[in-house]
Amino acid sequence: METPRFIQGVYSFEGQGLEQPVPLRPAVGYTVPRDKRAQLIYLRAGNSTSELIYLLLKRDGHPMRYFPIGAKGAIHVPLVIVEDIHPESVIELCVGAPEGARGLATIDIGLAEI
């Protein structure tokens, strides 16, 4: 049986350079329950700044996927990750932005626990 989970909100950031992704504020994270696996079903995101940014999805501290978002743009990525995310994996969302760029990222992520 699948259980839907969502990560949704508006999160602030201050860029530290495109090569230096930093966690969103407040932190965006999710831990897969020990008796489940998870799949990311979709990702929607928006960028309030006039600069290119990207979202970096990390699993257990390692980069998993990059999602570039154009200036004052938005993206919708269906079927973000088709492989399973194993039990007790920790997912974290970071942002890469030009140094000093301040803005808001609107996030809507849909997951399924299986």
N, C-alpha and C. Protein backbone atom coordinates (compact mmCIF):
# COMPACT_ATOMS: atom_id res chain seq x y z
N MET A 1 0.84 -1.19 0.00
CA MET A 1 0.00 0.00 0.00
C MET A 1 0.88 1.24 0.00
N GLU A 2 0.55 2.17 -0.88
CA GLU A 2 1.30 3.42 -0.97
C GLU A 2 0.69 4.50 -0.09
N THR A 3 1.55 5.26 0.55
CA THR A 3 1.11 6.39 1.35
C THR A 3 1.74 7.66 0.77
N PRO A 4 0.92 8.61 0.35
CA PRO A 4 1.49 9.84 -0.20
C PRO A 4 2.08 10.73 0.90
N ARG A 5 3.19 11.36 0.59
CA ARG A 5 3.84 12.33 1.48
C ARG A 5 4.18 13.54 0.64
N PHE A 6 4.16 14.71 1.28
CA PHE A 6 4.42 15.95 0.55
C PHE A 6 5.40 16.83 1.33
N ILE A 7 6.23 17.49 0.60
CA ILE A 7 7.09 18.54 1.15
C ILE A 7 6.68 19.80 0.41
N GLN A 8 6.11 20.75 1.14
CA GLN A 8 5.57 21.94 0.49
C GLN A 8 5.88 23.16 1.33
N GLY A 9 6.16 24.27 0.69
CA GLY A 9 6.37 25.51 1.40
C GLY A 9 7.15 26.51 0.60
N VAL A 10 7.35 27.65 1.21
CA VAL A 10 8.15 28.72 0.64
C VAL A 10 9.37 28.87 1.55
N TYR A 11 10.55 28.75 0.96
CA TYR A 11 11.78 28.69 1.73
C TYR A 11 12.73 29.78 1.24
N SER A 12 13.42 30.39 2.18
CA SER A 12 14.34 31.46 1.82
C SER A 12 15.75 30.91 1.64
N PHE A 13 16.55 31.68 0.94
CA PHE A 13 17.95 31.31 0.77
C PHE A 13 18.78 32.55 0.48
N GLU A 14 20.06 32.43 0.74
CA GLU A 14 21.05 33.42 0.34
C GLU A 14 22.17 32.66 -0.34
N GLY A 15 22.40 32.95 -1.61
CA GLY A 15 23.39 32.22 -2.38
C GLY A 15 24.79 32.37 -1.84
N GLN A 16 25.52 31.29 -1.90
CA GLN A 16 26.93 31.27 -1.50
C GLN A 16 27.82 30.94 -2.70
N GLY A 17 27.24 31.02 -3.90
CA GLY A 17 27.98 30.67 -5.12
C GLY A 17 27.37 29.44 -5.74
N LEU A 18 27.38 29.38 -7.07
CA LEU A 18 26.76 28.23 -7.74
C LEU A 18 27.48 26.92 -7.45
N GLU A 19 28.74 27.00 -7.04
CA GLU A 19 29.48 25.78 -6.70
C GLU A 19 29.39 25.44 -5.22
N GLN A 20 28.60 26.21 -4.48
CA GLN A 20 28.51 26.02 -3.02
C GLN A 20 27.04 25.94 -2.60
N PRO A 21 26.34 24.84 -2.91
CA PRO A 21 24.93 24.74 -2.50
C PRO A 21 24.79 24.73 -0.98
N VAL A 22 23.72 25.38 -0.52
CA VAL A 22 23.46 25.48 0.92
C VAL A 22 22.03 25.01 1.21
N PRO A 23 21.77 24.55 2.42
CA PRO A 23 20.41 24.14 2.78
C PRO A 23 19.44 25.32 2.70
N LEU A 24 18.20 25.03 2.32
CA LEU A 24 17.15 26.05 2.36
C LEU A 24 16.84 26.35 3.81
N ARG A 25 16.16 27.50 4.05
CA ARG A 25 15.77 27.87 5.41
C ARG A 25 14.25 28.04 5.47
N PRO A 26 13.53 27.39 6.36
CA PRO A 26 14.04 26.33 7.22
C PRO A 26 14.45 25.10 6.40
N ALA A 27 15.19 24.22 7.03
CA ALA A 27 15.71 23.05 6.34
C ALA A 27 14.57 22.21 5.78
N VAL A 28 14.82 21.62 4.59
CA VAL A 28 13.84 20.77 3.94
C VAL A 28 14.41 19.35 3.93
N GLY A 29 13.77 18.48 4.67
CA GLY A 29 14.29 17.12 4.73
C GLY A 29 13.19 16.09 4.94
N TYR A 30 13.57 14.85 4.73
CA TYR A 30 12.64 13.74 4.87
C TYR A 30 13.46 12.48 5.13
N THR A 31 13.02 11.67 6.05
CA THR A 31 13.68 10.40 6.33
C THR A 31 12.71 9.27 6.02
N VAL A 32 13.14 8.34 5.19
CA VAL A 32 12.29 7.20 4.83
C VAL A 32 12.14 6.30 6.07
N PRO A 33 10.91 5.94 6.43
CA PRO A 33 10.72 5.06 7.58
C PRO A 33 11.47 3.74 7.40
N ARG A 34 11.87 3.15 8.52
CA ARG A 34 12.69 1.93 8.45
C ARG A 34 11.98 0.74 7.81
N ASP A 35 10.65 0.73 7.81
CA ASP A 35 9.92 -0.40 7.22
C ASP A 35 9.31 -0.06 5.86
N LYS A 36 9.79 1.01 5.24
CA LYS A 36 9.26 1.47 3.95
C LYS A 36 10.40 1.79 3.00
N ARG A 37 10.06 1.90 1.74
CA ARG A 37 10.92 2.53 0.76
C ARG A 37 10.11 3.67 0.17
N ALA A 38 10.76 4.57 -0.54
CA ALA A 38 10.05 5.74 -1.05
C ALA A 38 10.44 5.99 -2.50
N GLN A 39 9.55 6.68 -3.19
CA GLN A 39 9.81 7.14 -4.55
C GLN A 39 9.35 8.59 -4.66
N LEU A 40 10.16 9.40 -5.35
CA LEU A 40 9.75 10.78 -5.61
C LEU A 40 8.89 10.80 -6.86
N ILE A 41 7.69 11.25 -6.72
CA ILE A 41 6.72 11.22 -7.82
C ILE A 41 6.82 12.47 -8.69
N TYR A 42 6.96 13.62 -8.06
CA TYR A 42 7.09 14.85 -8.84
C TYR A 42 7.79 15.91 -8.02
N LEU A 43 8.27 16.92 -8.73
CA LEU A 43 8.85 18.11 -8.09
C LEU A 43 8.38 19.33 -8.86
N ARG A 44 7.84 20.27 -8.12
CA ARG A 44 7.48 21.58 -8.69
C ARG A 44 8.22 22.61 -7.86
N ALA A 45 8.77 23.60 -8.51
CA ALA A 45 9.51 24.61 -7.76
C ALA A 45 9.52 25.91 -8.52
N GLY A 46 9.61 26.99 -7.78
CA GLY A 46 9.69 28.32 -8.36
C GLY A 46 10.83 29.10 -7.73
N ASN A 47 11.33 30.08 -8.47
CA ASN A 47 12.48 30.88 -8.08
C ASN A 47 12.09 32.35 -8.16
N SER A 48 12.20 33.09 -7.05
CA SER A 48 11.78 34.50 -7.04
C SER A 48 12.88 35.46 -7.51
N THR A 49 14.09 34.97 -7.68
CA THR A 49 15.20 35.89 -7.99
C THR A 49 15.35 36.13 -9.49
N SER A 50 16.16 37.09 -9.83
CA SER A 50 16.46 37.37 -11.24
C SER A 50 17.73 36.66 -11.68
N GLU A 51 18.10 35.60 -10.97
CA GLU A 51 19.29 34.80 -11.28
C GLU A 51 18.90 33.33 -11.45
N LEU A 52 19.71 32.62 -12.23
CA LEU A 52 19.56 31.17 -12.31
C LEU A 52 19.95 30.56 -10.97
N ILE A 53 19.14 29.64 -10.48
CA ILE A 53 19.48 28.88 -9.28
C ILE A 53 19.27 27.40 -9.61
N TYR A 54 19.65 26.55 -8.70
CA TYR A 54 19.29 25.14 -8.85
C TYR A 54 19.01 24.56 -7.48
N LEU A 55 18.15 23.56 -7.49
CA LEU A 55 17.90 22.79 -6.28
C LEU A 55 18.73 21.53 -6.39
N LEU A 56 19.34 21.15 -5.30
CA LEU A 56 20.15 19.94 -5.22
C LEU A 56 19.49 19.00 -4.21
N LEU A 57 19.07 17.87 -4.71
CA LEU A 57 18.48 16.85 -3.84
C LEU A 57 19.60 15.91 -3.42
N LYS A 58 19.80 15.82 -2.11
CA LYS A 58 20.85 14.94 -1.57
C LYS A 58 20.21 13.75 -0.87
N ARG A 59 20.87 12.61 -1.00
CA ARG A 59 20.46 11.42 -0.26
C ARG A 59 21.64 11.02 0.60
N ASP A 60 21.42 10.96 1.90
CA ASP A 60 22.47 10.61 2.86
C ASP A 60 23.73 11.45 2.63
N GLY A 61 23.53 12.74 2.35
CA GLY A 61 24.63 13.67 2.21
C GLY A 61 25.30 13.70 0.85
N HIS A 62 24.85 12.87 -0.09
CA HIS A 62 25.45 12.81 -1.41
C HIS A 62 24.48 13.34 -2.46
N PRO A 63 24.98 14.07 -3.46
CA PRO A 63 24.10 14.58 -4.51
C PRO A 63 23.36 13.45 -5.22
N MET A 64 22.07 13.67 -5.42
CA MET A 64 21.23 12.68 -6.10
C MET A 64 20.71 13.23 -7.42
N ARG A 65 20.18 14.46 -7.42
CA ARG A 65 19.68 15.10 -8.63
C ARG A 65 19.82 16.62 -8.50
N TYR A 66 20.04 17.26 -9.67
CA TYR A 66 20.08 18.72 -9.76
C TYR A 66 18.88 19.19 -10.58
N PHE A 67 18.24 20.27 -10.14
CA PHE A 67 17.08 20.82 -10.83
C PHE A 67 17.31 22.32 -11.07
N PRO A 68 17.78 22.71 -12.25
CA PRO A 68 17.97 24.14 -12.51
C PRO A 68 16.63 24.85 -12.67
N ILE A 69 16.58 26.09 -12.15
CA ILE A 69 15.37 26.91 -12.26
C ILE A 69 15.81 28.28 -12.76
N GLY A 70 15.27 28.69 -13.88
CA GLY A 70 15.62 29.97 -14.46
C GLY A 70 15.17 31.14 -13.60
N ALA A 71 15.71 32.32 -13.96
CA ALA A 71 15.36 33.56 -13.26
C ALA A 71 13.86 33.78 -13.27
N LYS A 72 13.30 34.04 -12.11
CA LYS A 72 11.86 34.26 -11.96
C LYS A 72 11.06 33.18 -12.69
N GLY A 73 11.57 31.97 -12.64
CA GLY A 73 10.95 30.86 -13.36
C GLY A 73 10.44 29.78 -12.44
N ALA A 74 9.87 28.77 -13.08
CA ALA A 74 9.34 27.63 -12.35
C ALA A 74 9.56 26.37 -13.17
N ILE A 75 9.57 25.24 -12.50
CA ILE A 75 9.71 23.95 -13.17
C ILE A 75 8.69 22.97 -12.62
N HIS A 76 8.35 22.01 -13.44
CA HIS A 76 7.54 20.88 -13.02
C HIS A 76 8.19 19.65 -13.62
N VAL A 77 8.65 18.75 -12.77
CA VAL A 77 9.32 17.54 -13.22
C VAL A 77 8.51 16.34 -12.74
N PRO A 78 7.73 15.71 -13.64
CA PRO A 78 7.01 14.50 -13.23
C PRO A 78 7.96 13.32 -13.20
N LEU A 79 7.65 12.33 -12.41
CA LEU A 79 8.48 11.12 -12.29
C LEU A 79 9.93 11.49 -12.06
N VAL A 80 10.16 12.27 -11.02
CA VAL A 80 11.48 12.81 -10.72
C VAL A 80 12.53 11.72 -10.63
N ILE A 81 12.27 10.72 -9.81
CA ILE A 81 13.23 9.65 -9.58
C ILE A 81 12.44 8.35 -9.58
N VAL A 82 12.77 7.48 -10.50
CA VAL A 82 11.99 6.26 -10.62
C VAL A 82 12.54 5.12 -9.75
N GLU A 83 13.80 5.23 -9.32
CA GLU A 83 14.32 4.17 -8.49
C GLU A 83 13.88 4.36 -7.03
N ASP A 84 13.86 3.27 -6.29
CA ASP A 84 13.47 3.31 -4.90
C ASP A 84 14.53 4.02 -4.05
N ILE A 85 14.05 4.70 -3.04
CA ILE A 85 14.93 5.27 -2.02
C ILE A 85 14.79 4.35 -0.81
N HIS A 86 15.90 3.82 -0.37
CA HIS A 86 15.90 2.75 0.62
C HIS A 86 15.47 3.22 2.02
N PRO A 87 15.01 2.26 2.83
CA PRO A 87 14.61 2.58 4.20
C PRO A 87 15.72 3.32 4.96
N GLU A 88 15.32 4.27 5.77
CA GLU A 88 16.18 5.07 6.63
C GLU A 88 17.10 6.03 5.87
N SER A 89 16.90 6.16 4.56
CA SER A 89 17.65 7.16 3.81
C SER A 89 17.17 8.55 4.23
N VAL A 90 18.10 9.49 4.26
CA VAL A 90 17.78 10.87 4.61
C VAL A 90 17.90 11.73 3.35
N ILE A 91 16.79 12.38 3.02
CA ILE A 91 16.72 13.26 1.85
C ILE A 91 16.81 14.70 2.34
N GLU A 92 17.63 15.51 1.66
CA GLU A 92 17.79 16.92 2.01
C GLU A 92 17.78 17.73 0.73
N LEU A 93 17.18 18.92 0.80
CA LEU A 93 17.12 19.80 -0.36
C LEU A 93 17.97 21.04 -0.11
N CYS A 94 18.90 21.30 -1.02
CA CYS A 94 19.78 22.47 -0.93
C CYS A 94 19.56 23.34 -2.17
N VAL A 95 20.11 24.54 -2.11
CA VAL A 95 20.00 25.46 -3.24
C VAL A 95 21.38 25.99 -3.58
N GLY A 96 21.65 26.07 -4.88
CA GLY A 96 22.84 26.72 -5.37
C GLY A 96 22.41 28.00 -6.07
N ALA A 97 23.03 29.11 -5.68
CA ALA A 97 22.67 30.41 -6.25
C ALA A 97 23.92 31.29 -6.25
N PRO A 98 23.97 32.29 -7.14
CA PRO A 98 25.12 33.18 -7.15
C PRO A 98 25.32 33.81 -5.77
N GLU A 99 26.58 34.06 -5.44
CA GLU A 99 26.90 34.62 -4.13
C GLU A 99 26.14 35.91 -3.88
N GLY A 100 25.48 36.01 -2.75
CA GLY A 100 24.74 37.20 -2.35
C GLY A 100 23.31 37.25 -2.87
N ALA A 101 22.95 36.38 -3.79
CA ALA A 101 21.56 36.39 -4.30
C ALA A 101 20.62 35.91 -3.20
N ARG A 102 19.66 36.73 -2.87
CA ARG A 102 18.67 36.37 -1.84
C ARG A 102 17.33 36.20 -2.51
N GLY A 103 16.62 35.18 -2.06
CA GLY A 103 15.32 34.96 -2.65
C GLY A 103 14.51 33.92 -1.92
N LEU A 104 13.42 33.55 -2.58
CA LEU A 104 12.53 32.54 -2.04
C LEU A 104 12.37 31.43 -3.08
N ALA A 105 12.31 30.23 -2.61
CA ALA A 105 12.03 29.08 -3.47
C ALA A 105 10.72 28.47 -3.00
N THR A 106 9.80 28.34 -3.93
CA THR A 106 8.52 27.69 -3.65
C THR A 106 8.66 26.23 -4.03
N ILE A 107 8.42 25.35 -3.07
CA ILE A 107 8.68 23.93 -3.26
C ILE A 107 7.40 23.12 -3.08
N ASP A 108 7.19 22.17 -3.97
CA ASP A 108 6.10 21.19 -3.84
C ASP A 108 6.64 19.87 -4.37
N ILE A 109 6.90 18.96 -3.45
CA ILE A 109 7.46 17.65 -3.80
C ILE A 109 6.48 16.58 -3.34
N GLY A 110 6.17 15.67 -4.24
CA GLY A 110 5.30 14.55 -3.90
C GLY A 110 6.09 13.25 -3.84
N LEU A 111 5.94 12.53 -2.76
CA LEU A 111 6.61 11.24 -2.57
C LEU A 111 5.56 10.17 -2.31
N ALA A 112 5.96 8.94 -2.53
CA ALA A 112 5.11 7.81 -2.17
C ALA A 112 5.94 6.87 -1.30
N GLU A 113 5.41 6.56 -0.12
CA GLU A 113 6.02 5.53 0.72
C GLU A 113 5.37 4.21 0.35
N ILE A 114 6.20 3.20 0.14
CA ILE A 114 5.71 1.91 -0.29
C ILE A 114 6.10 0.85 0.72
